[in-house]
N, C-alpha and C. Protein backbone atom coordinates (compact mmCIF):
# COMPACT_ATOMS: atom_id res chain seq x y z
N MET A 1 98.33 116.14 80.06
CA MET A 1 99.71 116.41 80.39
C MET A 1 100.58 115.30 79.82
N PRO A 2 101.48 115.64 78.92
CA PRO A 2 102.23 114.58 78.25
C PRO A 2 103.41 114.01 79.02
N TYR A 3 103.89 114.67 80.10
CA TYR A 3 105.04 114.16 80.84
C TYR A 3 104.66 113.81 82.27
N VAL A 4 105.28 112.73 82.78
CA VAL A 4 105.09 112.32 84.17
C VAL A 4 106.47 111.94 84.71
N PHE A 5 106.77 112.36 85.92
CA PHE A 5 107.99 111.95 86.61
C PHE A 5 107.61 111.00 87.73
N VAL A 6 108.33 109.90 87.84
CA VAL A 6 108.10 108.90 88.89
C VAL A 6 109.42 108.74 89.62
N SER A 7 109.39 108.72 90.96
CA SER A 7 110.64 108.55 91.69
C SER A 7 110.40 107.77 92.97
N THR A 8 111.49 107.20 93.48
CA THR A 8 111.45 106.51 94.76
C THR A 8 112.86 106.52 95.35
N GLN A 9 112.94 106.36 96.64
CA GLN A 9 114.23 106.20 97.30
C GLN A 9 114.70 104.77 97.06
N ILE A 10 115.95 104.57 96.72
CA ILE A 10 116.47 103.24 96.43
C ILE A 10 116.27 102.31 97.61
N ARG A 11 116.47 102.81 98.82
CA ARG A 11 116.29 101.95 99.99
C ARG A 11 114.82 101.64 100.25
N LEU A 12 113.92 102.33 99.55
CA LEU A 12 112.48 102.11 99.72
C LEU A 12 111.86 101.63 98.41
N GLU A 13 112.59 100.78 97.67
CA GLU A 13 112.09 100.38 96.35
C GLU A 13 110.78 99.61 96.41
N CYS A 14 110.34 99.25 97.61
CA CYS A 14 109.03 98.59 97.74
C CYS A 14 107.94 99.63 98.00
N GLY A 15 108.24 100.89 97.90
CA GLY A 15 107.27 101.96 98.08
C GLY A 15 107.65 102.82 99.28
N PRO A 16 107.09 103.98 99.44
CA PRO A 16 106.13 104.61 98.54
C PRO A 16 106.81 105.12 97.27
N THR A 17 105.99 105.38 96.27
CA THR A 17 106.46 105.90 94.99
C THR A 17 105.86 107.27 94.77
N ILE A 18 106.71 108.25 94.48
CA ILE A 18 106.26 109.60 94.18
C ILE A 18 105.91 109.64 92.70
N CYS A 19 104.72 110.14 92.36
CA CYS A 19 104.30 110.09 90.96
C CYS A 19 103.66 111.38 90.47
N GLY A 20 103.82 112.47 91.18
CA GLY A 20 103.27 113.73 90.68
C GLY A 20 103.43 114.85 91.69
N ASP A 21 103.24 116.08 91.20
CA ASP A 21 103.24 117.24 92.08
C ASP A 21 101.83 117.79 92.17
N GLU A 22 101.68 118.88 92.88
CA GLU A 22 100.34 119.43 93.14
C GLU A 22 99.63 119.91 91.88
N GLN A 23 100.34 120.04 90.76
CA GLN A 23 99.71 120.46 89.51
C GLN A 23 99.47 119.30 88.55
N SER A 24 99.69 118.07 89.00
CA SER A 24 99.48 116.89 88.15
C SER A 24 98.00 116.65 87.91
N ASP A 25 97.71 115.90 86.86
CA ASP A 25 96.34 115.55 86.49
C ASP A 25 95.68 114.74 87.61
N PRO A 26 94.67 115.30 88.29
CA PRO A 26 94.05 114.59 89.41
C PRO A 26 93.43 113.25 89.01
N GLU A 27 92.87 113.17 87.80
CA GLU A 27 92.26 111.92 87.36
C GLU A 27 93.32 110.83 87.20
N LEU A 28 94.47 111.19 86.63
CA LEU A 28 95.56 110.23 86.47
C LEU A 28 96.10 109.80 87.83
N MET A 29 96.23 110.75 88.75
CA MET A 29 96.73 110.43 90.08
C MET A 29 95.76 109.49 90.81
N GLN A 30 94.46 109.70 90.62
CA GLN A 30 93.47 108.80 91.22
C GLN A 30 93.61 107.40 90.64
N TYR A 31 93.80 107.31 89.32
CA TYR A 31 94.00 106.03 88.65
C TYR A 31 95.21 105.29 89.22
N LEU A 32 96.27 106.05 89.56
CA LEU A 32 97.47 105.46 90.13
C LEU A 32 97.32 105.14 91.62
N GLY A 33 96.21 105.55 92.22
CA GLY A 33 96.00 105.32 93.64
C GLY A 33 96.85 106.23 94.51
N ALA A 34 97.21 107.39 93.97
CA ALA A 34 98.09 108.33 94.67
C ALA A 34 97.29 109.36 95.46
N THR A 35 97.84 109.77 96.58
CA THR A 35 97.22 110.80 97.41
C THR A 35 98.18 111.98 97.53
N LEU A 36 97.61 113.16 97.66
CA LEU A 36 98.40 114.39 97.77
C LEU A 36 98.85 114.54 99.21
N THR A 37 100.17 114.64 99.42
CA THR A 37 100.72 114.76 100.76
C THR A 37 101.77 115.88 100.78
N LYS A 38 102.08 116.32 101.97
CA LYS A 38 103.14 117.32 102.15
C LYS A 38 104.09 116.80 103.21
N GLN A 39 105.35 116.60 102.83
CA GLN A 39 106.34 116.12 103.77
C GLN A 39 106.85 117.27 104.62
N PHE A 40 107.16 116.96 105.86
CA PHE A 40 107.67 117.96 106.79
C PHE A 40 108.93 118.61 106.20
N GLY A 41 108.96 119.93 106.21
CA GLY A 41 110.10 120.68 105.70
C GLY A 41 109.97 121.11 104.26
N ASN A 42 109.06 120.51 103.52
CA ASN A 42 108.84 120.92 102.12
C ASN A 42 107.81 122.03 102.06
N ASN A 43 107.94 122.92 101.08
CA ASN A 43 106.93 123.96 100.89
C ASN A 43 106.04 123.64 99.69
N PHE A 44 105.96 122.37 99.33
CA PHE A 44 105.13 121.93 98.21
C PHE A 44 104.50 120.58 98.56
N GLN A 45 103.45 120.25 97.81
CA GLN A 45 102.80 118.96 97.98
C GLN A 45 103.17 118.05 96.82
N GLN A 46 103.06 116.75 97.06
CA GLN A 46 103.34 115.79 96.00
C GLN A 46 102.40 114.60 96.14
N TYR A 47 102.15 113.96 95.00
CA TYR A 47 101.32 112.75 95.01
C TYR A 47 102.22 111.55 95.24
N SER A 48 101.80 110.66 96.13
CA SER A 48 102.53 109.42 96.34
C SER A 48 101.56 108.27 96.49
N THR A 49 102.04 107.08 96.16
CA THR A 49 101.25 105.87 96.26
C THR A 49 102.07 104.80 96.98
N THR A 50 101.39 103.86 97.60
CA THR A 50 102.09 102.77 98.28
C THR A 50 102.54 101.70 97.29
N ASP A 51 102.12 101.81 96.02
CA ASP A 51 102.54 100.84 95.01
C ASP A 51 104.05 100.92 94.77
N ILE A 52 104.63 99.79 94.39
CA ILE A 52 106.05 99.78 94.04
C ILE A 52 106.22 100.47 92.67
N PRO A 53 107.41 101.00 92.38
CA PRO A 53 107.60 101.71 91.11
C PRO A 53 107.21 100.88 89.88
N ARG A 54 107.54 99.59 89.85
CA ARG A 54 107.21 98.77 88.69
C ARG A 54 105.72 98.76 88.42
N LYS A 55 104.92 98.69 89.48
CA LYS A 55 103.46 98.68 89.30
C LYS A 55 102.97 100.03 88.76
N VAL A 56 103.53 101.13 89.26
CA VAL A 56 103.16 102.46 88.76
C VAL A 56 103.54 102.59 87.28
N LEU A 57 104.75 102.13 86.92
CA LEU A 57 105.17 102.19 85.52
C LEU A 57 104.28 101.34 84.64
N ASP A 58 103.88 100.15 85.12
CA ASP A 58 102.97 99.30 84.36
C ASP A 58 101.63 99.99 84.13
N LYS A 59 101.09 100.63 85.17
CA LYS A 59 99.81 101.33 85.04
C LYS A 59 99.92 102.47 84.02
N LEU A 60 101.02 103.21 84.08
CA LEU A 60 101.20 104.32 83.15
C LEU A 60 101.36 103.83 81.71
N GLU A 61 102.03 102.70 81.53
CA GLU A 61 102.14 102.13 80.18
C GLU A 61 100.75 101.78 79.64
N GLY A 62 99.88 101.28 80.52
CA GLY A 62 98.51 100.97 80.12
C GLY A 62 97.73 102.20 79.68
N ARG A 63 98.16 103.36 80.11
CA ARG A 63 97.52 104.62 79.70
C ARG A 63 98.24 105.29 78.54
N GLY A 64 99.22 104.61 77.94
CA GLY A 64 99.88 105.16 76.76
C GLY A 64 101.19 105.88 77.02
N TYR A 65 101.68 105.88 78.26
CA TYR A 65 102.94 106.53 78.58
C TYR A 65 104.10 105.57 78.31
N LYS A 66 105.24 106.11 77.87
CA LYS A 66 106.45 105.34 77.63
C LYS A 66 107.60 105.97 78.39
N VAL A 67 108.45 105.14 78.99
CA VAL A 67 109.64 105.64 79.67
C VAL A 67 110.60 106.18 78.61
N ILE A 68 111.01 107.43 78.80
CA ILE A 68 111.96 108.03 77.86
C ILE A 68 113.31 108.30 78.51
N SER A 69 113.36 108.23 79.86
CA SER A 69 114.61 108.47 80.56
C SER A 69 114.53 107.87 81.95
N GLN A 70 115.67 107.44 82.45
CA GLN A 70 115.77 106.91 83.81
C GLN A 70 117.12 107.32 84.34
N SER A 71 117.15 107.68 85.62
CA SER A 71 118.41 108.12 86.22
C SER A 71 118.40 107.85 87.71
N GLY A 72 119.57 107.82 88.27
CA GLY A 72 119.72 107.74 89.71
C GLY A 72 120.45 108.97 90.18
N ALA A 73 119.96 109.58 91.23
CA ALA A 73 120.60 110.75 91.81
C ALA A 73 120.72 110.52 93.31
N GLY A 74 121.92 110.24 93.78
CA GLY A 74 122.09 109.91 95.19
C GLY A 74 121.36 108.61 95.50
N GLN A 75 120.41 108.67 96.41
CA GLN A 75 119.61 107.50 96.79
C GLN A 75 118.24 107.50 96.13
N THR A 76 118.07 108.30 95.08
CA THR A 76 116.76 108.43 94.42
C THR A 76 116.82 107.89 92.99
N MET A 77 115.82 107.11 92.63
CA MET A 77 115.63 106.64 91.25
C MET A 77 114.53 107.49 90.64
N ILE A 78 114.74 107.95 89.40
CA ILE A 78 113.79 108.83 88.72
C ILE A 78 113.53 108.29 87.32
N TRP A 79 112.26 108.20 86.96
CA TRP A 79 111.86 107.83 85.61
C TRP A 79 111.07 108.99 85.01
N THR A 80 111.33 109.31 83.74
CA THR A 80 110.55 110.30 83.01
C THR A 80 109.75 109.54 81.96
N LEU A 81 108.44 109.79 81.93
CA LEU A 81 107.56 109.15 80.96
C LEU A 81 106.89 110.20 80.11
N HIS A 82 106.56 109.84 78.87
CA HIS A 82 105.92 110.76 77.94
C HIS A 82 104.77 110.05 77.25
N LYS A 83 103.71 110.78 77.01
CA LYS A 83 102.56 110.28 76.25
C LYS A 83 102.34 111.27 75.12
N PRO A 84 102.44 110.81 73.87
CA PRO A 84 102.23 111.72 72.74
C PRO A 84 100.83 112.32 72.77
N LEU A 85 100.74 113.59 72.46
CA LEU A 85 99.44 114.24 72.36
C LEU A 85 98.77 113.83 71.06
N PRO A 86 97.45 113.68 71.05
CA PRO A 86 96.77 113.34 69.79
C PRO A 86 96.91 114.50 68.81
N LEU A 87 97.01 114.17 67.53
CA LEU A 87 97.12 115.21 66.50
C LEU A 87 95.78 115.91 66.37
N ALA A 88 95.78 117.23 66.52
CA ALA A 88 94.54 118.00 66.46
C ALA A 88 93.98 118.04 65.05
N ASN A 89 94.84 118.22 64.05
CA ASN A 89 94.37 118.36 62.67
C ASN A 89 94.86 117.23 61.77
N GLY A 90 95.22 116.11 62.38
CA GLY A 90 95.71 114.98 61.59
C GLY A 90 94.58 114.33 60.80
N PRO A 91 94.93 113.53 59.82
CA PRO A 91 93.90 112.87 59.01
C PRO A 91 93.13 111.84 59.83
N SER A 92 91.85 111.74 59.58
CA SER A 92 91.06 110.70 60.23
C SER A 92 91.38 109.38 59.54
N THR A 93 90.89 108.29 60.07
CA THR A 93 91.18 106.99 59.45
C THR A 93 90.63 106.91 58.04
N GLU A 94 89.49 107.57 57.78
CA GLU A 94 88.92 107.56 56.44
C GLU A 94 89.76 108.39 55.49
N GLU A 95 90.24 109.56 55.95
CA GLU A 95 91.00 110.45 55.08
C GLU A 95 92.36 109.85 54.75
N GLY A 96 92.96 109.10 55.69
CA GLY A 96 94.29 108.56 55.48
C GLY A 96 94.28 107.26 54.70
N SER A 97 93.12 106.69 54.42
CA SER A 97 93.03 105.41 53.70
C SER A 97 93.12 105.64 52.20
N PRO A 98 93.77 104.71 51.48
CA PRO A 98 93.82 104.85 50.01
C PRO A 98 92.49 104.51 49.40
C-alpha cells in the first residue's frame, strides 16, 4: 500500500496517534506498534499507537515512506505519506549499467 495517513488531536500531541484504518497493511501496523480499536460512536475501526506522531513518522521514513502533505483540520493534525511502488518491469542493476 503506497499511501498512509497519520493523525492526532492537537491537544493530544503526545499520543495516541492514529495510523491506519481496518484495511491497512497488518504487518506495517504491527511494525508501528498499532492496535485495531473502535471508538464509541464510530461504525469503523482504526489502528492507533501510544507513540507520539514524530516517532510514527520516523518509523515510516525508515520503511521508505515520505511525507507529501500535512494539514490541520480543527483540532486534528493530519500527515499523508507515500512510498513509491517498485518498478515491475524496470531495468535491473546489470541492465541499467553501461
